[in-house]
Amino acid sequence: MNTGAFVTFLQNRINGEYSRAEILEMVNNAQNEILSKECALVRIIPDPYVHTGSASYTGHTSSNASGAGSFTVNETIAATVPTSGFLLVTESAVTTKYEYVSYSGSVFTLANGVTLSSSYTSSATATVDAFELIASGALFSSIANRTTQWDIRKVQRVYAFASDDSRYLSYGGADINSYRPDVMKNANSYDWEVSVDAVESQEPDSKDAKIIFWRENAPGVTTADYMAEAYRWPDQLTVETVAITIPARFHTNLLYYAVLKDIEYEEYGSADRPMQLYDKYLKEFLDEVNRGATTEQRQTLPNW
């Protein structure tokens, strides 16, 4: 059923105790909870490329005053730089890290609430951090396509294709004897597991999911070597015209009991029966939607 019909369905079963707007918010929260698992419905297909395009620039002579919400460089910012990420600005041997959310021409626009803590001169250098990436600004559907953007919730893994055992990544190769090896070869497969840490997003539209390469293992500057298994937030149900992502056959069981358990827990401090049914239908749901959704979702093996 559509979103409006499901809100009506719920309203009739809870005796009209909540407004339609309140019910819609409950449904949205329940759907976010259900799809927080590694669910094929919200996996980005095919697996996107991870752009680690770093670059260094010199500060503009007079445009970077303390308190400014942007950082201007003398050069034109390269198109391979991630569309959002972190800028390391160094002057007089002091380095400060700033989050940027976009760039155009020679100007990096800083994140909301982020301003320059000092005034910078032309002796400052600004380097795009290749080790810590904002996932939504570094994941793209192809090597060349830099327009596709998703609201990334989590990155489950980062990997690199290898055409044979002697294939090394462009940034210097796989040191498997390292204390913290950069990549691990998967037996009987064509990919290498890349050693990264991933920070999951805390809420929709926050753009706070991250990919963090270990500092011992420089990721280099590349738009072609890495792919990611990544999951997005579902479309948020801000109005009843936004479609529910969960398939209709799970609306009156899984989604219904997900909302009901939250209501009962809030009102009575316990929701044993709805929770049991929720767990039952959640298992059925994940088994169904994830059936067969494994490696065939990866990118086609690139031509080296």
Protein backbone atom coordinates (compact mmCIF):
# COMPACT_ATOMS: atom_id res chain seq x y z
CA MET A 1 0.00 0.00 0.00
CA ASN A 2 1.13 3.58 -0.47
CA THR A 3 2.40 5.67 2.42
CA GLY A 4 -0.86 7.55 3.00
CA ALA A 5 -2.87 4.32 3.05
CA PHE A 6 -0.47 2.77 5.55
CA VAL A 7 -0.76 5.79 7.84
CA THR A 8 -4.55 5.37 7.71
CA PHE A 9 -4.15 1.64 8.42
CA LEU A 10 -2.12 2.40 11.54
CA GLN A 11 -4.39 5.24 12.67
CA ASN A 12 -7.42 2.92 12.60
CA ARG A 13 -5.60 0.31 14.72
CA ILE A 14 -4.38 2.63 17.44
CA ASN A 15 -7.76 4.32 17.89
CA GLY A 16 -6.69 7.68 16.50
CA GLU A 17 -4.48 8.50 19.50
CA TYR A 18 -1.81 10.03 17.29
CA SER A 19 -1.96 12.55 14.47
CA ARG A 20 -1.09 11.52 10.93
CA ALA A 21 2.14 13.52 11.16
CA GLU A 22 3.13 11.69 14.36
CA ILE A 23 2.35 8.32 12.80
CA LEU A 24 4.33 9.18 9.69
CA GLU A 25 7.33 10.03 11.86
CA MET A 26 6.97 6.68 13.66
CA VAL A 27 6.85 4.83 10.35
CA ASN A 28 9.94 6.68 9.13
CA ASN A 29 11.86 5.85 12.32
CA ALA A 30 10.77 2.20 12.10
CA GLN A 31 11.87 1.93 8.48
CA ASN A 32 15.25 3.48 9.31
CA GLU A 33 15.68 0.87 12.05
CA ILE A 34 14.73 -2.06 9.81
CA LEU A 35 17.01 -0.95 6.98
CA SER A 36 19.98 -0.37 9.28
CA LYS A 37 20.98 -3.97 8.57
CA GLU A 38 23.10 -5.00 5.58
CA CYS A 39 20.01 -4.96 3.39
CA ALA A 40 20.10 -5.31 -0.40
CA LEU A 41 17.24 -2.79 -0.73
CA VAL A 42 19.55 0.06 0.25
CA ARG A 43 22.84 -1.26 -1.07
CA ILE A 44 24.24 0.94 -3.84
CA ILE A 45 24.39 -1.12 -7.02
CA PRO A 46 26.79 -1.55 -8.67
CA ASP A 47 29.41 -0.99 -6.02
CA PRO A 48 30.68 2.59 -6.36
CA TYR A 49 34.25 3.71 -6.90
CA VAL A 50 36.12 5.36 -4.03
CA HIS A 51 37.86 8.54 -5.19
CA THR A 52 40.91 9.37 -3.05
CA GLY A 53 41.91 12.31 -5.21
CA SER A 54 44.16 14.42 -3.00
CA ALA A 55 45.95 17.62 -4.03
CA SER A 56 47.89 20.47 -2.46
CA TYR A 57 47.35 24.17 -3.04
CA THR A 58 48.70 27.52 -1.87
CA GLY A 59 46.59 29.96 0.07
CA HIS A 60 45.27 33.11 -1.55
CA THR A 61 47.10 36.28 -0.56
CA SER A 62 44.18 38.11 1.07
CA SER A 63 40.96 36.04 1.00
CA ASN A 64 41.40 33.79 4.04
CA ALA A 65 40.63 35.91 7.09
CA SER A 66 39.92 34.40 10.49
CA GLY A 67 36.22 33.59 10.82
CA ALA A 68 35.65 33.05 7.10
CA GLY A 69 33.43 30.17 6.03
CA SER A 70 35.57 29.23 3.05
CA PHE A 71 39.20 28.77 2.05
CA THR A 72 40.47 30.24 -1.22
CA VAL A 73 43.52 28.93 -3.06
CA ASN A 74 45.56 30.39 -5.88
CA GLU A 75 45.07 27.42 -8.19
CA THR A 76 41.97 25.89 -9.80
CA ILE A 77 40.85 22.94 -7.70
CA ALA A 78 41.23 19.66 -9.60
CA ALA A 79 38.06 17.89 -10.70
CA THR A 80 39.37 14.63 -9.16
CA VAL A 81 39.19 16.02 -5.62
CA PRO A 82 36.28 14.50 -3.61
CA THR A 83 33.27 16.81 -3.59
CA SER A 84 33.37 16.95 0.22
CA GLY A 85 36.04 15.99 2.71
CA PHE A 86 38.75 17.47 4.89
CA LEU A 87 41.28 20.19 4.19
CA LEU A 88 44.60 20.28 6.05
CA VAL A 89 45.84 23.87 6.16
CA THR A 90 49.43 24.44 7.27
CA GLU A 91 51.20 27.70 7.97
CA SER A 92 54.18 28.40 10.24
CA ALA A 93 54.42 24.65 11.02
CA VAL A 94 50.88 24.62 12.46
CA THR A 95 48.30 22.39 10.74
CA THR A 96 44.55 22.80 11.21
CA LYS A 97 41.91 20.46 9.83
CA TYR A 98 38.72 21.87 8.29
CA GLU A 99 35.75 20.00 6.86
CA TYR A 100 34.59 21.25 3.47
CA VAL A 101 31.24 20.43 1.84
CA SER A 102 31.84 21.62 -1.73
CA TYR A 103 34.23 23.53 -3.96
CA SER A 104 34.07 25.62 -7.08
CA GLY A 105 36.88 27.19 -9.04
CA SER A 106 39.44 28.07 -6.41
CA VAL A 107 37.19 28.13 -3.32
CA PHE A 108 36.52 25.38 -0.79
CA THR A 109 33.22 25.99 1.07
CA LEU A 110 33.50 24.86 4.69
CA ALA A 111 30.87 22.85 6.55
CA ASN A 112 28.05 24.61 8.37
CA GLY A 113 29.42 26.16 11.56
CA VAL A 114 33.05 25.66 10.52
CA THR A 115 35.13 28.81 10.09
CA LEU A 116 38.83 29.54 9.73
CA SER A 117 40.46 29.68 13.16
CA SER A 118 43.27 31.91 11.89
CA SER A 119 44.02 34.30 9.07
CA TYR A 120 46.15 32.70 6.36
CA THR A 121 48.55 34.20 3.84
CA SER A 122 50.03 32.98 0.56
CA SER A 123 52.61 30.99 2.53
CA ALA A 124 49.85 28.61 3.70
CA THR A 125 49.42 25.24 2.04
CA ALA A 126 46.09 23.43 1.85
CA THR A 127 46.09 19.67 1.26
CA VAL A 128 43.00 17.55 0.70
CA ASP A 129 43.19 14.68 3.19
CA ALA A 130 43.38 11.33 1.34
CA PHE A 131 43.32 9.29 4.56
CA GLU A 132 39.95 10.40 5.93
CA LEU A 133 37.11 10.61 3.42
CA ILE A 134 33.52 11.78 3.72
CA ALA A 135 31.78 8.82 2.08
CA SER A 136 29.07 10.86 0.37
CA GLY A 137 31.72 13.06 -1.27
CA ALA A 138 34.11 10.28 -2.31
CA LEU A 139 31.82 7.56 -3.72
CA PHE A 140 30.80 7.73 -7.38
CA SER A 141 29.11 5.35 -9.80
CA SER A 142 32.00 5.30 -12.25
CA ILE A 143 35.56 6.49 -12.65
CA ALA A 144 34.46 9.54 -14.64
CA ASN A 145 30.95 10.24 -13.25
CA ARG A 146 31.23 12.74 -10.38
CA THR A 147 27.59 13.84 -10.29
CA THR A 148 25.97 10.82 -8.63
CA GLN A 149 25.60 11.40 -4.90
CA TRP A 150 23.98 9.27 -2.22
CA ASP A 151 23.13 9.82 1.42
CA ILE A 152 25.59 7.17 2.62
CA ARG A 153 24.71 5.35 5.83
CA LYS A 154 27.62 2.94 6.07
CA VAL A 155 30.53 1.52 4.11
CA GLN A 156 30.84 -2.16 4.87
CA ARG A 157 34.10 -2.85 3.04
CA VAL A 158 36.57 -1.37 0.57
CA TYR A 159 38.28 -3.60 -1.96
CA ALA A 160 40.44 -3.43 -5.07
CA PHE A 161 40.44 -5.66 -8.12
CA ALA A 162 43.60 -7.46 -9.15
CA SER A 163 43.97 -9.14 -12.54
CA ASP A 164 46.49 -11.62 -11.12
CA ASP A 165 48.64 -12.21 -8.04
CA SER A 166 51.34 -9.83 -9.28
CA ARG A 167 48.96 -6.89 -9.68
CA TYR A 168 49.92 -4.07 -7.30
CA LEU A 169 47.87 -1.04 -6.54
CA SER A 170 48.99 2.25 -8.05
CA TYR A 171 50.11 3.75 -4.74
CA GLY A 172 52.89 1.23 -4.17
CA GLY A 173 51.73 -2.32 -3.66
CA ALA A 174 50.47 -4.72 -1.04
CA ASP A 175 52.83 -5.16 1.89
CA ILE A 176 51.27 -8.29 3.38
CA ASN A 177 54.12 -8.59 5.93
CA SER A 178 53.30 -5.24 7.50
CA TYR A 179 52.05 -5.08 11.09
CA ARG A 180 48.93 -3.48 9.59
CA PRO A 181 48.89 -4.60 5.96
CA ASP A 182 47.25 -2.25 3.51
CA VAL A 183 45.45 -4.98 1.58
CA MET A 184 44.83 -8.71 1.96
CA LYS A 185 44.45 -10.99 -1.04
CA ASN A 186 41.27 -13.08 -1.06
CA ALA A 187 41.96 -16.68 -2.00
CA ASN A 188 40.43 -17.82 -5.31
CA SER A 189 39.08 -14.38 -6.16
CA TYR A 190 40.05 -11.26 -8.06
CA ASP A 191 39.89 -8.76 -5.27
CA TRP A 192 42.00 -7.48 -2.42
CA GLU A 193 40.52 -6.41 0.91
CA VAL A 194 41.70 -2.88 1.70
CA SER A 195 42.39 -2.17 5.36
CA VAL A 196 40.19 0.74 6.41
CA ASP A 197 38.04 1.82 9.32
CA ALA A 198 34.49 2.99 8.61
CA VAL A 199 32.34 5.37 10.64
CA GLU A 200 28.60 4.84 10.26
CA SER A 201 26.30 7.82 9.71
CA GLN A 202 24.28 8.82 12.76
CA GLU A 203 21.27 10.32 11.00
CA PRO A 204 19.92 11.01 7.50
CA ASP A 205 21.27 14.00 5.56
CA SER A 206 24.13 14.44 8.02
CA LYS A 207 26.81 13.39 5.51
CA ASP A 208 28.87 12.01 8.39
CA ALA A 209 29.71 8.47 7.21
CA LYS A 210 33.48 8.19 6.77
CA ILE A 211 36.13 5.95 5.27
CA ILE A 212 39.42 6.16 7.19
CA PHE A 213 42.55 4.60 5.73
CA TRP A 214 45.17 3.55 8.28
CA ARG A 215 47.91 6.14 8.53
CA GLU A 216 50.55 3.47 7.91
CA ASN A 217 48.99 2.77 4.51
CA ALA A 218 48.78 5.78 2.21
CA PRO A 219 45.83 5.29 -0.17
CA GLY A 220 47.43 7.38 -2.86
CA VAL A 221 45.54 9.49 -5.38
CA THR A 222 43.21 7.39 -7.49
CA THR A 223 39.72 7.30 -8.96
CA ALA A 224 40.02 3.79 -10.37
CA ASP A 225 41.61 1.36 -7.91
CA TYR A 226 39.05 1.11 -5.10
CA MET A 227 35.42 0.04 -4.86
CA ALA A 228 33.17 -0.04 -1.81
CA GLU A 229 30.28 -2.10 -0.53
CA ALA A 230 28.11 0.81 0.58
CA TYR A 231 24.60 1.30 1.93
CA ARG A 232 22.45 4.44 1.79
CA TRP A 233 19.72 5.85 3.98
CA PRO A 234 16.23 5.10 2.60
CA ASP A 235 14.18 8.00 1.26
CA GLN A 236 12.94 9.80 4.35
CA LEU A 237 9.16 9.88 4.85
CA THR A 238 8.83 13.61 5.40
CA VAL A 239 5.45 13.71 3.62
CA GLU A 240 2.92 11.03 2.74
CA THR A 241 3.71 11.26 -0.97
CA VAL A 242 7.19 9.76 -0.40
CA ALA A 243 7.03 6.02 -1.08
CA ILE A 244 7.93 3.49 1.61
CA THR A 245 11.11 1.64 0.61
CA ILE A 246 10.12 -1.62 2.31
CA PRO A 247 8.05 -3.85 -0.05
CA ALA A 248 4.28 -3.72 0.39
CA ARG A 249 3.98 -7.33 1.52
CA PHE A 250 5.90 -6.43 4.68
CA HIS A 251 3.84 -3.34 5.57
CA THR A 252 1.06 -4.95 7.62
CA ASN A 253 3.38 -7.34 9.46
CA LEU A 254 7.00 -6.23 9.82
CA LEU A 255 6.51 -2.47 9.55
CA TYR A 256 3.29 -2.58 11.58
CA TYR A 257 4.91 -4.44 14.48
CA ALA A 258 7.98 -2.22 14.29
CA VAL A 259 5.75 0.79 14.96
CA LEU A 260 3.59 -1.05 17.52
CA LYS A 261 6.55 -2.18 19.62
CA ASP A 262 7.82 1.40 19.82
CA ILE A 263 4.39 2.69 20.88
CA GLU A 264 3.90 -0.01 23.53
CA TYR A 265 7.41 0.39 24.89
CA GLU A 266 6.95 4.15 25.20
CA GLU A 267 3.55 3.84 26.88
CA TYR A 268 4.04 0.72 29.03
CA GLY A 269 7.79 0.18 29.26
CA SER A 270 7.43 -3.24 27.67
CA ALA A 271 6.57 -4.63 24.23
CA ASP A 272 7.16 -8.38 24.49
CA ARG A 273 4.56 -9.68 22.01
CA PRO A 274 5.10 -7.03 19.28
CA MET A 275 8.85 -7.51 19.68
CA GLN A 276 8.56 -11.28 19.15
CA LEU A 277 6.52 -10.79 16.00
CA TYR A 278 8.83 -8.01 14.80
CA ASP A 279 11.87 -10.29 15.17
CA LYS A 280 10.05 -13.08 13.32
CA TYR A 281 9.09 -10.91 10.35
CA LEU A 282 12.45 -9.13 10.29
CA LYS A 283 14.22 -12.45 9.77
CA GLU A 284 11.81 -13.35 6.96
CA PHE A 285 12.31 -9.94 5.37
CA LEU A 286 16.12 -10.04 5.44
CA ASP A 287 16.19 -13.63 4.19
CA GLU A 288 13.98 -12.69 1.24
CA VAL A 289 15.53 -9.41 0.14
CA ASN A 290 19.12 -10.57 0.59
CA ARG A 291 18.69 -13.91 -1.15
CA GLY A 292 21.30 -14.07 -3.89
CA ALA A 293 22.49 -10.50 -3.24
CA THR A 294 26.20 -11.20 -2.90
CA THR A 295 29.17 -10.68 -5.17
CA GLU A 296 27.14 -10.28 -8.34
CA GLN A 297 26.43 -6.73 -7.20
CA ARG A 298 30.06 -5.71 -7.58
CA GLN A 299 31.41 -3.68 -10.44
CA THR A 300 32.43 -5.51 -13.60
CA LEU A 301 36.12 -6.38 -13.43
CA PRO A 302 37.98 -3.38 -14.89
CA ASN A 303 40.24 -3.71 -17.91
CA TRP A 304 43.76 -2.98 -16.75
